[in-house]
Protein backbone atom coordinates (compact mmCIF):
# COMPACT_ATOMS: atom_id res chain seq x y z
CA MET A 1 -17.45 24.06 14.30
CA GLU A 2 -20.56 22.30 15.60
CA GLN A 3 -21.01 19.97 12.61
CA LEU A 4 -17.32 19.01 12.62
CA PHE A 5 -17.42 18.02 16.30
CA ASP A 6 -20.73 16.22 15.79
CA LEU A 7 -19.16 13.77 13.34
CA SER A 8 -18.78 10.32 14.85
CA ILE A 9 -15.36 8.73 15.19
CA TRP A 10 -16.33 6.15 12.53
CA ALA A 11 -17.39 8.91 10.12
CA ILE A 12 -14.01 10.61 10.52
CA ILE A 13 -12.00 7.39 10.24
CA GLY A 14 -14.09 6.24 7.28
CA PHE A 15 -13.69 9.58 5.51
CA MET A 16 -9.92 9.70 6.03
CA LEU A 17 -9.40 6.09 4.93
CA ALA A 18 -11.69 6.60 1.94
CA SER A 19 -9.86 9.78 0.97
CA TYR A 20 -6.46 8.11 0.96
CA SER A 21 -7.58 4.85 -0.63
CA VAL A 22 -9.85 6.41 -3.29
CA ILE A 23 -7.40 9.14 -4.34
CA GLY A 24 -4.45 6.76 -4.03
CA ASN A 25 -6.06 3.92 -5.99
CA ASP A 26 -7.55 6.17 -8.65
CA SER A 27 -4.43 8.33 -9.01
CA ILE A 28 -3.44 5.92 -11.77
CA GLN A 29 -6.41 7.17 -13.83
CA THR A 30 -6.26 10.88 -13.15
CA LEU A 31 -2.65 11.66 -12.32
CA GLY A 32 -0.81 8.59 -13.60
CA THR A 33 -0.26 9.81 -17.16
CA PHE A 34 0.49 13.31 -15.87
CA ILE A 35 3.19 12.01 -13.51
CA ALA A 36 4.65 9.67 -16.16
CA ALA A 37 4.86 12.35 -18.85
CA ASN A 38 6.38 14.94 -16.50
CA GLU A 39 8.83 12.75 -14.61
CA LYS A 40 11.66 15.26 -15.08
CA ILE A 41 9.71 18.04 -13.37
CA ASN A 42 10.14 18.44 -9.60
CA TRP A 43 7.28 16.76 -7.72
CA LYS A 44 6.55 19.95 -5.76
CA TRP A 45 5.43 21.80 -8.90
CA LYS A 46 3.20 18.90 -9.90
CA PHE A 47 1.82 18.74 -6.37
CA MET A 48 0.95 22.44 -6.32
CA PHE A 49 -0.82 22.05 -9.66
CA GLY A 50 -2.86 19.04 -8.46
CA ALA A 51 -3.68 20.64 -5.11
CA LEU A 52 -4.80 23.91 -6.73
CA VAL A 53 -7.20 22.12 -9.09
CA PHE A 54 -8.50 19.92 -6.24
CA CYS A 55 -9.20 22.82 -3.86
CA THR A 56 -10.74 24.98 -6.59
CA ILE A 57 -13.17 22.38 -7.91
CA VAL A 58 -14.23 21.07 -4.47
CA PHE A 59 -14.83 24.59 -3.17
CA PHE A 60 -16.73 25.55 -6.33
CA CYS A 61 -18.96 22.49 -6.01
CA TRP A 62 -19.58 23.16 -2.31
CA TYR A 63 -20.37 26.84 -2.97
CA THR A 64 -22.73 26.26 -5.92
CA ASN A 65 -24.52 23.16 -4.57
CA ASN A 66 -25.55 24.30 -1.07
CA GLY A 67 -22.75 22.52 0.73
CA ASP A 68 -22.79 19.31 -1.34
CA ILE A 69 -19.29 18.30 -2.53
CA ALA A 70 -20.50 15.18 -4.36
CA TYR A 71 -22.03 16.92 -7.40
CA GLY A 72 -25.41 15.36 -6.63
CA ARG A 73 -24.03 11.81 -7.02
CA LEU A 74 -25.44 10.87 -3.62
CA ALA A 75 -28.99 12.09 -4.30
CA ARG A 76 -30.31 8.52 -4.47
CA ILE A 77 -28.31 7.29 -1.47
CA ASP A 78 -29.56 8.43 1.95
CA TYR A 79 -27.03 9.43 4.58
CA ILE A 80 -26.34 6.61 7.05
CA GLU A 81 -24.39 7.26 10.23
CA PRO A 82 -21.21 5.22 9.58
CA ARG A 83 -20.56 2.22 11.80
CA TRP A 84 -17.39 0.20 12.24
CA TYR A 85 -18.28 -2.18 9.40
CA HIS A 86 -18.67 0.73 6.95
CA VAL A 87 -14.99 1.48 7.53
CA MET A 88 -13.98 -1.98 6.32
CA ALA A 89 -14.45 -1.04 2.63
CA PRO A 90 -11.84 1.76 2.45
CA ALA A 91 -9.55 -0.29 4.72
CA ILE A 92 -9.65 -3.18 2.22
CA LEU A 93 -9.18 -0.70 -0.61
CA LEU A 94 -6.14 0.76 1.16
CA LEU A 95 -4.64 -2.73 1.42
CA LEU A 96 -5.26 -3.45 -2.28
CA THR A 97 -3.71 -0.09 -3.23
CA ARG A 98 -0.65 -0.99 -1.14
CA TYR A 99 -0.11 -3.98 -3.40
CA GLY A 100 -0.76 -2.03 -6.59
CA ILE A 101 -4.14 -3.56 -7.47
CA PRO A 102 -6.42 -1.10 -9.35
CA VAL A 103 -9.92 -2.12 -8.24
CA SER A 104 -13.15 -0.17 -8.58
CA THR A 105 -13.35 2.20 -5.62
CA THR A 106 -16.99 2.93 -6.46
CA PHE A 107 -18.14 -0.68 -6.16
CA LEU A 108 -16.16 -1.31 -3.00
CA VAL A 109 -17.18 1.87 -1.12
CA PHE A 110 -20.82 2.04 -2.21
CA SER A 111 -21.36 -1.68 -1.65
CA VAL A 112 -21.63 -1.00 2.10
CA PHE A 113 -23.98 1.98 1.75
CA ALA A 114 -26.19 1.62 -1.31
CA SER A 115 -29.20 -0.66 -1.64
CA GLY A 116 -28.94 -3.67 -3.91
CA PHE A 117 -31.17 -1.96 -6.47
CA ILE A 118 -29.02 1.20 -6.66
CA LEU A 119 -25.80 -0.83 -6.72
CA GLU A 120 -27.16 -2.86 -9.63
CA LYS A 121 -27.74 0.38 -11.58
CA ILE A 122 -24.21 1.54 -10.71
CA ILE A 123 -22.77 -1.72 -12.04
CA VAL A 124 -24.81 -1.52 -15.26
CA LYS A 125 -23.68 2.07 -15.87
CA SER A 126 -20.05 1.09 -15.19
CA VAL A 127 -20.16 -1.88 -17.58
CA MET A 128 -21.63 0.42 -20.22
CA GLY A 129 -18.80 2.87 -19.51
CA TYR A 130 -16.22 0.11 -20.05
CA GLY A 131 -17.78 -0.82 -23.39
CA VAL A 132 -18.13 2.76 -24.63
CA ALA A 133 -14.55 3.59 -23.63
CA ALA A 134 -13.11 0.45 -25.26
CA VAL A 135 -14.96 0.92 -28.56
CA THR A 136 -14.29 4.67 -28.67
CA ALA A 137 -10.59 4.22 -27.94
CA TYR A 138 -10.24 1.43 -30.50
CA VAL A 139 -11.84 3.44 -33.30
CA LEU A 140 -10.01 6.67 -32.48
CA TRP A 141 -6.61 5.03 -32.13
CA LEU A 142 -7.00 3.22 -35.44
CA VAL A 143 -7.04 6.73 -36.90
CA ILE A 144 -4.47 8.23 -34.53
CA SER A 145 -1.99 5.37 -35.05
CA SER A 146 -2.03 6.09 -38.76
CA TYR A 147 -0.48 9.49 -38.08
CA ILE A 148 1.37 9.11 -34.77
CA ASP A 149 4.05 6.56 -33.89
CA GLU A 150 6.02 7.73 -30.87
CA LYS A 151 8.88 5.34 -31.65
CA THR A 152 9.60 6.78 -35.08
CA ASP A 153 7.86 10.17 -35.02
CA ARG A 154 8.92 11.92 -31.83
CA VAL A 155 7.72 15.42 -31.01
CA LYS A 156 10.16 17.98 -32.33
CA GLN A 157 12.19 19.81 -29.71
CA LYS A 158 10.71 23.19 -30.66
CA ASN A 159 7.16 21.84 -30.14
CA ILE A 160 7.72 20.17 -26.75
CA ARG A 161 6.74 23.24 -24.74
CA TYR A 162 3.43 23.49 -26.61
CA TRP A 163 2.64 19.83 -26.00
CA ARG A 164 3.58 20.23 -22.35
CA VAL A 165 1.10 23.07 -21.97
CA ALA A 166 -1.54 20.98 -23.76
CA GLN A 167 -0.77 18.05 -21.45
CA TRP A 168 -1.23 20.16 -18.32
CA VAL A 169 -4.50 21.57 -19.69
CA SER A 170 -5.82 18.11 -20.56
CA SER A 171 -4.77 16.86 -17.11
CA SER A 172 -6.74 19.71 -15.52
CA TYR A 173 -9.79 18.79 -17.59
CA LEU A 174 -9.46 15.15 -16.55
CA TRP A 175 -8.83 15.95 -12.87
CA VAL A 176 -11.96 18.12 -12.80
CA THR A 177 -14.25 15.53 -14.47
CA TRP A 178 -12.88 12.77 -12.25
CA LEU A 179 -13.57 14.78 -9.10
CA GLN A 180 -17.14 15.34 -10.29
CA HIS A 181 -17.58 11.57 -10.30
CA ASP A 182 -15.48 10.18 -7.48
CA MET A 183 -15.77 12.80 -4.73
CA ALA A 184 -18.99 10.93 -3.96
CA ASN A 185 -16.91 7.90 -2.92
CA ILE A 186 -15.36 10.05 -0.19
CA ALA A 187 -18.32 12.28 0.68
CA VAL A 188 -20.56 9.27 1.35
CA TYR A 189 -19.11 9.17 4.88
CA LEU A 190 -20.16 12.77 5.55
CA PRO A 191 -23.52 14.58 5.80
CA ARG A 192 -24.89 15.55 2.39
CA GLN A 193 -24.46 19.27 3.19
CA ILE A 194 -21.29 20.18 5.05
CA SER A 195 -20.28 23.34 6.91
CA VAL A 196 -17.31 25.60 6.18
CA GLU A 197 -15.29 23.94 8.95
CA VAL A 198 -15.90 20.46 7.52
CA LEU A 199 -15.01 21.77 4.05
CA ILE A 200 -11.67 23.05 5.35
CA PHE A 201 -11.08 19.65 6.96
CA VAL A 202 -11.87 17.90 3.64
CA LEU A 203 -9.53 20.18 1.68
CA SER A 204 -6.72 19.78 4.22
CA VAL A 205 -6.90 15.99 4.14
CA GLY A 206 -7.05 15.95 0.33
CA VAL A 207 -4.04 18.24 -0.08
CA LEU A 208 -2.01 16.16 2.40
CA ILE A 209 -2.81 12.95 0.49
CA LEU A 210 -1.91 14.55 -2.84
CA GLY A 211 1.43 15.53 -1.34
CA VAL A 212 2.13 11.89 -0.45
CA ILE A 213 1.09 10.68 -3.93
CA PHE A 214 3.20 13.19 -5.84
CA LYS A 215 6.25 12.75 -3.61
CA SER A 216 6.14 8.97 -4.19
CA GLU A 217 5.58 9.54 -7.96
CA GLY A 218 2.26 7.68 -7.85
CA GLY A 219 3.42 4.76 -5.70
CA ARG A 220 3.31 1.10 -6.70
CA ILE A 221 0.06 1.40 -8.62
CA GLN A 222 1.85 3.72 -11.08
CA LYS A 223 3.41 0.61 -12.63
CA ILE A 224 0.11 -0.09 -14.40
CA ILE A 225 0.54 3.08 -16.45
CA LEU A 226 4.21 2.48 -17.21
CA THR A 227 3.46 -0.89 -18.87
CA LYS A 228 1.26 0.78 -21.50
CA THR A 229 2.52 1.82 -24.92
CA GLY A 230 3.64 5.48 -25.06
CA ALA A 231 2.52 6.22 -21.49
CA ARG A 232 5.56 8.47 -20.91
CA TYR A 233 5.10 10.61 -24.03
CA LEU A 234 3.58 14.09 -23.81
CA ARG A 235 1.58 13.77 -27.03
CA SER A 236 0.15 10.34 -26.22
CA THR A 237 -0.77 11.21 -22.64
CA THR A 238 -2.44 14.44 -23.77
CA ILE A 239 -4.67 12.50 -26.17
CA ILE A 240 -5.43 9.81 -23.55
CA ASP A 241 -6.44 12.42 -20.97
CA LEU A 242 -8.66 14.34 -23.40
CA ILE A 243 -10.56 11.26 -24.56
CA TYR A 244 -10.91 9.82 -21.05
CA ALA A 245 -12.12 13.14 -19.62
CA SER A 246 -14.64 13.56 -22.44
CA ILE A 247 -16.09 10.09 -21.82
CA LEU A 248 -16.39 10.84 -18.10
CA TYR A 249 -18.09 14.14 -18.91
CA PHE A 250 -20.60 12.33 -21.14
CA PHE A 251 -21.55 9.92 -18.36
CA LYS A 252 -21.69 12.76 -15.83
CA GLU A 253 -24.32 14.45 -17.96
CA LEU A 254 -26.18 11.17 -18.60
CA ASN A 255 -27.61 10.90 -15.06
CA ASP A 256 -26.72 11.49 -11.41
CA LEU A 257 -25.80 7.87 -10.62
CA PRO A 258 -22.22 7.20 -9.49
CA MET A 259 -20.16 4.90 -11.70
CA SER A 260 -16.80 3.18 -11.69
CA THR A 261 -14.28 5.44 -13.38
CA THR A 262 -11.79 2.58 -13.05
CA TRP A 263 -13.83 0.45 -15.45
CA VAL A 264 -13.95 3.33 -17.93
CA PHE A 265 -10.19 3.83 -17.68
CA VAL A 266 -9.35 0.16 -18.12
CA GLY A 267 -11.76 0.01 -21.08
CA LEU A 268 -10.00 3.00 -22.63
CA LEU A 269 -6.55 1.44 -22.28
CA THR A 270 -7.84 -1.90 -23.59
CA GLY A 271 -9.30 -0.35 -26.74
CA ARG A 272 -6.14 1.69 -27.28
CA GLU A 273 -3.77 -1.26 -26.94
CA LEU A 274 -5.90 -3.38 -29.29
CA ALA A 275 -5.94 -0.60 -31.89
CA ILE A 276 -2.16 -0.17 -31.70
CA SER A 277 -1.65 -3.94 -32.09
CA THR A 278 -3.95 -3.89 -35.13
CA MET A 279 -1.94 -1.13 -36.82
CA ARG A 280 1.59 -2.22 -35.87
CA LYS A 281 3.08 -5.44 -37.20
CA ASP A 282 5.72 -5.57 -34.45
CA TYR A 283 3.13 -5.35 -31.65
CA LYS A 284 1.11 -8.52 -31.96
CA PHE A 285 -2.04 -9.46 -30.07
CA LYS A 286 -0.24 -12.25 -28.19
CA TYR A 287 1.91 -9.59 -26.53
CA ILE A 288 -0.93 -7.42 -25.30
CA PHE A 289 -3.42 -10.13 -24.34
CA PRO A 290 -1.69 -10.95 -21.01
CA ILE A 291 -1.62 -7.22 -20.12
CA VAL A 292 -5.29 -6.66 -21.00
CA ALA A 293 -6.41 -9.88 -19.30
CA LYS A 294 -4.46 -9.04 -16.14
CA ASP A 295 -6.01 -5.55 -15.86
CA PHE A 296 -9.52 -6.91 -16.49
CA GLY A 297 -8.96 -9.65 -13.91
CA LYS A 298 -8.06 -7.07 -11.30
CA ILE A 299 -11.25 -5.06 -11.78
CA ILE A 300 -13.30 -8.28 -11.65
CA LEU A 301 -11.49 -9.08 -8.40
CA GLY A 302 -12.62 -5.72 -7.04
CA LEU A 303 -16.22 -6.46 -8.03
CA GLY A 304 -16.05 -9.84 -6.31
CA ILE A 305 -14.69 -8.30 -3.11
CA SER A 306 -17.49 -5.72 -3.23
CA ILE A 307 -20.15 -8.44 -3.46
CA ILE A 308 -18.61 -10.21 -0.46
CA ALA A 309 -18.65 -6.89 1.42
CA ILE A 310 -22.38 -6.46 0.65
CA ILE A 311 -23.20 -9.91 2.01
CA LEU A 312 -21.11 -9.34 5.13
CA VAL A 313 -22.62 -5.91 5.90
CA GLN A 314 -26.18 -7.21 5.42
CA TYR A 315 -25.39 -10.04 7.81
CA LEU A 316 -24.02 -7.62 10.42
CA VAL A 317 -26.99 -5.25 10.06
CA GLU A 318 -29.55 -8.05 10.36
CA GLY A 319 -27.65 -9.39 13.37
CA GLY A 320 -27.88 -6.01 15.11
CA TYR A 321 -24.12 -5.45 15.36
């Protein structure tokens, strides 16, 4: 219990705010398609599924990495005892989530901890992730759209149960790969190696937050998913989750730098929508451009807020606050 009681009040507040804002804001990427495609299933079953995967993967990471729950993503970022201004980032993120704005949690949280050099590398990796996801999704959906049109070729009733199983499996795969990236956004407020008591605290907070997200069916930010073509269909969401998870896995293996999974997700949806508009005559580019531009504008807004946060924190540190 010693390490738990040794945590400063700002470390605890920062961790709890980061947990709610990061999981809440990024639920659109990891759980959004899962919630949308399984809207007829009671939220308690979906909650138990999400909580089981969360607890299993966080415990496994902690057990196999000597108490590190961030999968080594914080290896290049030294632990800094959180101060009051470090808490501002998740507080801002919480406010943006409240209004349904999907910004990059990685940029916003790490902007107050990482050096300018490391943050620059994080941004470069994230931009590359956006590009890879957009191109990959565009090419794949040009092929997929040739065979699948959810409006005219619905899944047969006898095959629904198989696609539902596939959707839950793909959601598990995505949830695991996302946690391997974005747990660092939460763990940055904690020591790099945590005790059993702190682990139990982390798991308890995470499960509680997941309960809130599933009970509210994703909250306001879920509207971003519902505006996308086929986002409620089991077959489409299964394919989206598999491709997104595979791209995240590729970048996880690339190096140990954190990256913005939000940028990868928005890039994926952008490439997919463009491919569908290319293949379908009734879905013209002029219809999707406002949607794509709006999503891209929101992630640029998040980057801008992160840059402002960097300048403000540097000013406070240099001023001795």
